[in-house]
Amino acid sequence: MKDTTQDRQPWLDPDTGTCPVGETLRLLGGKHGPSVLHCLMSGEMHFLELTRALDGISRKVLTAQLQEFERSGLVARIEKHDARRRVGYSLTAKGADLGAILSQLYDWSQAQRDPAATR
């Protein structure tokens, strides 16, 4: 009789058969995704504020990332009905929960830094 306990993969979700960590990392998006979420942890920001805060990201890439986060339910788009018709973005409850995890990753990253490299 073959022992099947070794064939099981404990990191896989039993319902979907996918790795929850991998799914979360895909949800974070590409290169700039975590930075966008990290910026929004401080509160609602307008699109132009985000472009200024996120050095090295084009408006096109930022727009695509924000749209993806909206579809995923991480970010809410708030239209301002003022003379400038600005648009603000803020984290949803789901996004704020993920933001807390990003903060932990930030803390871990800071703790792992080589003190000699900062000199």
C-alpha atoms as a PDB file:
ATOM      1  CA  MET A   1       0.000   0.000   0.000  1.00  0.00           C
ATOM      2  CA  LYS A   2       1.403   3.363  -1.021  1.00  0.00           C
ATOM      3  CA  ASP A   3       1.725   6.136   1.576  1.00  0.00           C
ATOM      4  CA  THR A   4      -0.061   9.172   0.065  1.00  0.00           C
ATOM      5  CA  THR A   5       0.724  11.555   2.915  1.00  0.00           C
ATOM      6  CA  GLN A   6       4.023  12.439   1.271  1.00  0.00           C
ATOM      7  CA  ASP A   7       2.263  13.303  -2.034  1.00  0.00           C
ATOM      8  CA  ARG A   8       0.189  16.074  -0.475  1.00  0.00           C
ATOM      9  CA  GLN A   9       1.416  19.621  -0.800  1.00  0.00           C
ATOM     10  CA  PRO A  10       0.484  21.424   2.431  1.00  0.00           C
ATOM     11  CA  TRP A  11       0.930  24.904   0.937  1.00  0.00           C
ATOM     12  CA  LEU A  12      -1.856  24.369  -1.615  1.00  0.00           C
ATOM     13  CA  ASP A  13      -5.397  25.532  -0.939  1.00  0.00           C
ATOM     14  CA  PRO A  14      -7.474  22.338  -0.692  1.00  0.00           C
ATOM     15  CA  ASP A  15     -10.417  23.952  -2.514  1.00  0.00           C
ATOM     16  CA  THR A  16      -8.614  25.583  -5.452  1.00  0.00           C
ATOM     17  CA  GLY A  17      -5.366  23.625  -5.646  1.00  0.00           C
ATOM     18  CA  THR A  18      -3.386  26.876  -5.891  1.00  0.00           C
ATOM     19  CA  CYS A  19      -0.791  28.367  -3.589  1.00  0.00           C
ATOM     20  CA  PRO A  20      -2.370  31.231  -1.583  1.00  0.00           C
ATOM     21  CA  VAL A  21       0.976  33.011  -1.253  1.00  0.00           C
ATOM     22  CA  GLY A  22       1.481  32.912  -5.021  1.00  0.00           C
ATOM     23  CA  GLU A  23      -2.022  34.254  -5.564  1.00  0.00           C
ATOM     24  CA  THR A  24      -1.347  37.104  -3.135  1.00  0.00           C
ATOM     25  CA  LEU A  25       1.903  37.983  -4.883  1.00  0.00           C
ATOM     26  CA  ARG A  26       0.088  38.029  -8.242  1.00  0.00           C
ATOM     27  CA  LEU A  27      -2.529  40.306  -6.672  1.00  0.00           C
ATOM     28  CA  LEU A  28       0.217  42.752  -5.685  1.00  0.00           C
ATOM     29  CA  GLY A  29       0.942  43.306  -9.339  1.00  0.00           C
ATOM     30  CA  GLY A  30       4.239  44.066 -10.956  1.00  0.00           C
ATOM     31  CA  LYS A  31       7.219  46.128 -10.056  1.00  0.00           C
ATOM     32  CA  HIS A  32       5.300  49.161  -8.741  1.00  0.00           C
ATOM     33  CA  GLY A  33       2.261  47.496  -7.156  1.00  0.00           C
ATOM     34  CA  PRO A  34       3.547  47.291  -3.586  1.00  0.00           C
ATOM     35  CA  SER A  35       4.805  50.895  -3.752  1.00  0.00           C
ATOM     36  CA  VAL A  36       1.392  52.140  -4.901  1.00  0.00           C
ATOM     37  CA  LEU A  37      -0.336  50.339  -2.033  1.00  0.00           C
ATOM     38  CA  HIS A  38       2.286  51.564   0.426  1.00  0.00           C
ATOM     39  CA  CYS A  39       1.672  55.178  -0.640  1.00  0.00           C
ATOM     40  CA  LEU A  40      -2.069  54.785  -0.189  1.00  0.00           C
ATOM     41  CA  MET A  41      -1.623  53.484   3.357  1.00  0.00           C
ATOM     42  CA  SER A  42      -1.257  57.092   4.517  1.00  0.00           C
ATOM     43  CA  GLY A  43      -4.714  57.933   3.185  1.00  0.00           C
ATOM     44  CA  GLU A  44      -6.486  59.080   0.061  1.00  0.00           C
ATOM     45  CA  MET A  45      -4.275  60.497  -2.664  1.00  0.00           C
ATOM     46  CA  HIS A  46      -5.036  62.161  -5.966  1.00  0.00           C
ATOM     47  CA  PHE A  47      -3.560  60.754  -9.145  1.00  0.00           C
ATOM     48  CA  LEU A  48      -1.051  63.590  -9.502  1.00  0.00           C
ATOM     49  CA  GLU A  49       0.074  63.138  -5.887  1.00  0.00           C
ATOM     50  CA  LEU A  50       0.716  59.480  -6.596  1.00  0.00           C
ATOM     51  CA  THR A  51       2.764  60.254  -9.706  1.00  0.00           C
ATOM     52  CA  ARG A  52       4.916  62.637  -7.684  1.00  0.00           C
ATOM     53  CA  ALA A  53       5.324  60.214  -4.781  1.00  0.00           C
ATOM     54  CA  LEU A  54       6.240  57.258  -6.988  1.00  0.00           C
ATOM     55  CA  ASP A  55       9.462  58.142  -8.732  1.00  0.00           C
ATOM     56  CA  GLY A  56      10.139  56.148 -11.890  1.00  0.00           C
ATOM     57  CA  ILE A  57       6.575  55.127 -12.773  1.00  0.00           C
ATOM     58  CA  SER A  58       4.883  56.435 -15.891  1.00  0.00           C
ATOM     59  CA  ARG A  59       1.312  57.709 -15.838  1.00  0.00           C
ATOM     60  CA  LYS A  60       0.295  54.886 -18.155  1.00  0.00           C
ATOM     61  CA  VAL A  61       1.702  52.202 -15.847  1.00  0.00           C
ATOM     62  CA  LEU A  62       0.221  53.878 -12.762  1.00  0.00           C
ATOM     63  CA  THR A  63      -3.198  54.067 -14.419  1.00  0.00           C
ATOM     64  CA  ALA A  64      -3.057  50.385 -15.369  1.00  0.00           C
ATOM     65  CA  GLN A  65      -1.950  49.382 -11.860  1.00  0.00           C
ATOM     66  CA  LEU A  66      -4.718  51.413 -10.198  1.00  0.00           C
ATOM     67  CA  GLN A  67      -7.309  49.905 -12.547  1.00  0.00           C
ATOM     68  CA  GLU A  68      -6.072  46.410 -11.704  1.00  0.00           C
ATOM     69  CA  PHE A  69      -6.254  47.184  -7.979  1.00  0.00           C
ATOM     70  CA  GLU A  70      -9.810  48.490  -8.464  1.00  0.00           C
ATOM     71  CA  ARG A  71     -10.836  45.247 -10.190  1.00  0.00           C
ATOM     72  CA  SER A  72      -9.209  43.255  -7.374  1.00  0.00           C
ATOM     73  CA  GLY A  73     -11.057  45.256  -4.733  1.00  0.00           C
ATOM     74  CA  LEU A  74      -7.903  46.655  -3.119  1.00  0.00           C
ATOM     75  CA  VAL A  75      -8.344  50.294  -4.121  1.00  0.00           C
ATOM     76  CA  ALA A  76     -11.402  52.528  -4.392  1.00  0.00           C
ATOM     77  CA  ARG A  77     -11.578  55.273  -7.010  1.00  0.00           C
ATOM     78  CA  ILE A  78     -13.252  58.421  -5.705  1.00  0.00           C
ATOM     79  CA  GLU A  79     -14.403  60.982  -8.235  1.00  0.00           C
ATOM     80  CA  LYS A  80     -14.389  64.563  -7.006  1.00  0.00           C
ATOM     81  CA  HIS A  81     -17.146  66.690  -8.437  1.00  0.00           C
ATOM     82  CA  ASP A  82     -15.312  69.965  -8.141  1.00  0.00           C
ATOM     83  CA  ALA A  83     -14.170  72.421 -10.804  1.00  0.00           C
ATOM     84  CA  ARG A  84     -11.052  70.352 -11.588  1.00  0.00           C
ATOM     85  CA  ARG A  85     -12.888  66.988 -11.623  1.00  0.00           C
ATOM     86  CA  ARG A  86     -10.046  65.342  -9.783  1.00  0.00           C
ATOM     87  CA  VAL A  87      -9.929  61.667  -8.927  1.00  0.00           C
ATOM     88  CA  GLY A  88      -8.724  60.288  -5.603  1.00  0.00           C
ATOM     89  CA  TYR A  89      -7.698  56.791  -4.665  1.00  0.00           C
ATOM     90  CA  SER A  90      -7.821  55.090  -1.303  1.00  0.00           C
ATOM     91  CA  LEU A  91      -7.428  51.605   0.067  1.00  0.00           C
ATOM     92  CA  THR A  92     -10.508  49.505   0.663  1.00  0.00           C
ATOM     93  CA  ALA A  93     -10.747  47.366   3.801  1.00  0.00           C
ATOM     94  CA  LYS A  94      -9.252  44.492   1.791  1.00  0.00           C
ATOM     95  CA  GLY A  95      -6.411  46.759   0.622  1.00  0.00           C
ATOM     96  CA  ALA A  96      -5.786  48.035   4.151  1.00  0.00           C
ATOM     97  CA  ASP A  97      -5.457  44.446   5.386  1.00  0.00           C
ATOM     98  CA  LEU A  98      -2.866  43.801   2.692  1.00  0.00           C
ATOM     99  CA  GLY A  99      -1.198  47.104   3.584  1.00  0.00           C
ATOM    100  CA  ALA A 100      -0.628  45.822   7.101  1.00  0.00           C
ATOM    101  CA  ILE A 101       1.224  42.854   5.635  1.00  0.00           C
ATOM    102  CA  LEU A 102       3.289  45.197   3.454  1.00  0.00           C
ATOM    103  CA  SER A 103       4.252  47.094   6.598  1.00  0.00           C
ATOM    104  CA  GLN A 104       5.482  43.861   8.128  1.00  0.00           C
ATOM    105  CA  LEU A 105       7.521  43.164   4.980  1.00  0.00           C
ATOM    106  CA  TYR A 106       8.972  46.656   5.209  1.00  0.00           C
ATOM    107  CA  ASP A 107       9.931  46.127   8.856  1.00  0.00           C
ATOM    108  CA  TRP A 108      11.500  42.765   8.026  1.00  0.00           C
ATOM    109  CA  SER A 109      13.427  44.299   5.127  1.00  0.00           C
ATOM    110  CA  GLN A 110      14.767  47.075   7.339  1.00  0.00           C
ATOM    111  CA  ALA A 111      15.831  44.585   9.995  1.00  0.00           C
ATOM    112  CA  GLN A 112      17.713  42.514   7.388  1.00  0.00           C
ATOM    113  CA  ARG A 113      19.679  45.410   5.930  1.00  0.00           C
ATOM    114  CA  ASP A 114      23.415  45.170   6.151  1.00  0.00           C
ATOM    115  CA  PRO A 115      24.542  48.024   8.453  1.00  0.00           C
ATOM    116  CA  ALA A 116      27.805  48.262   6.500  1.00  0.00           C
ATOM    117  CA  ALA A 117      25.862  48.969   3.291  1.00  0.00           C
ATOM    118  CA  THR A 118      24.248  52.099   4.759  1.00  0.00           C
ATOM    119  CA  ARG A 119      27.567  53.800   5.547  1.00  0.00           C
END
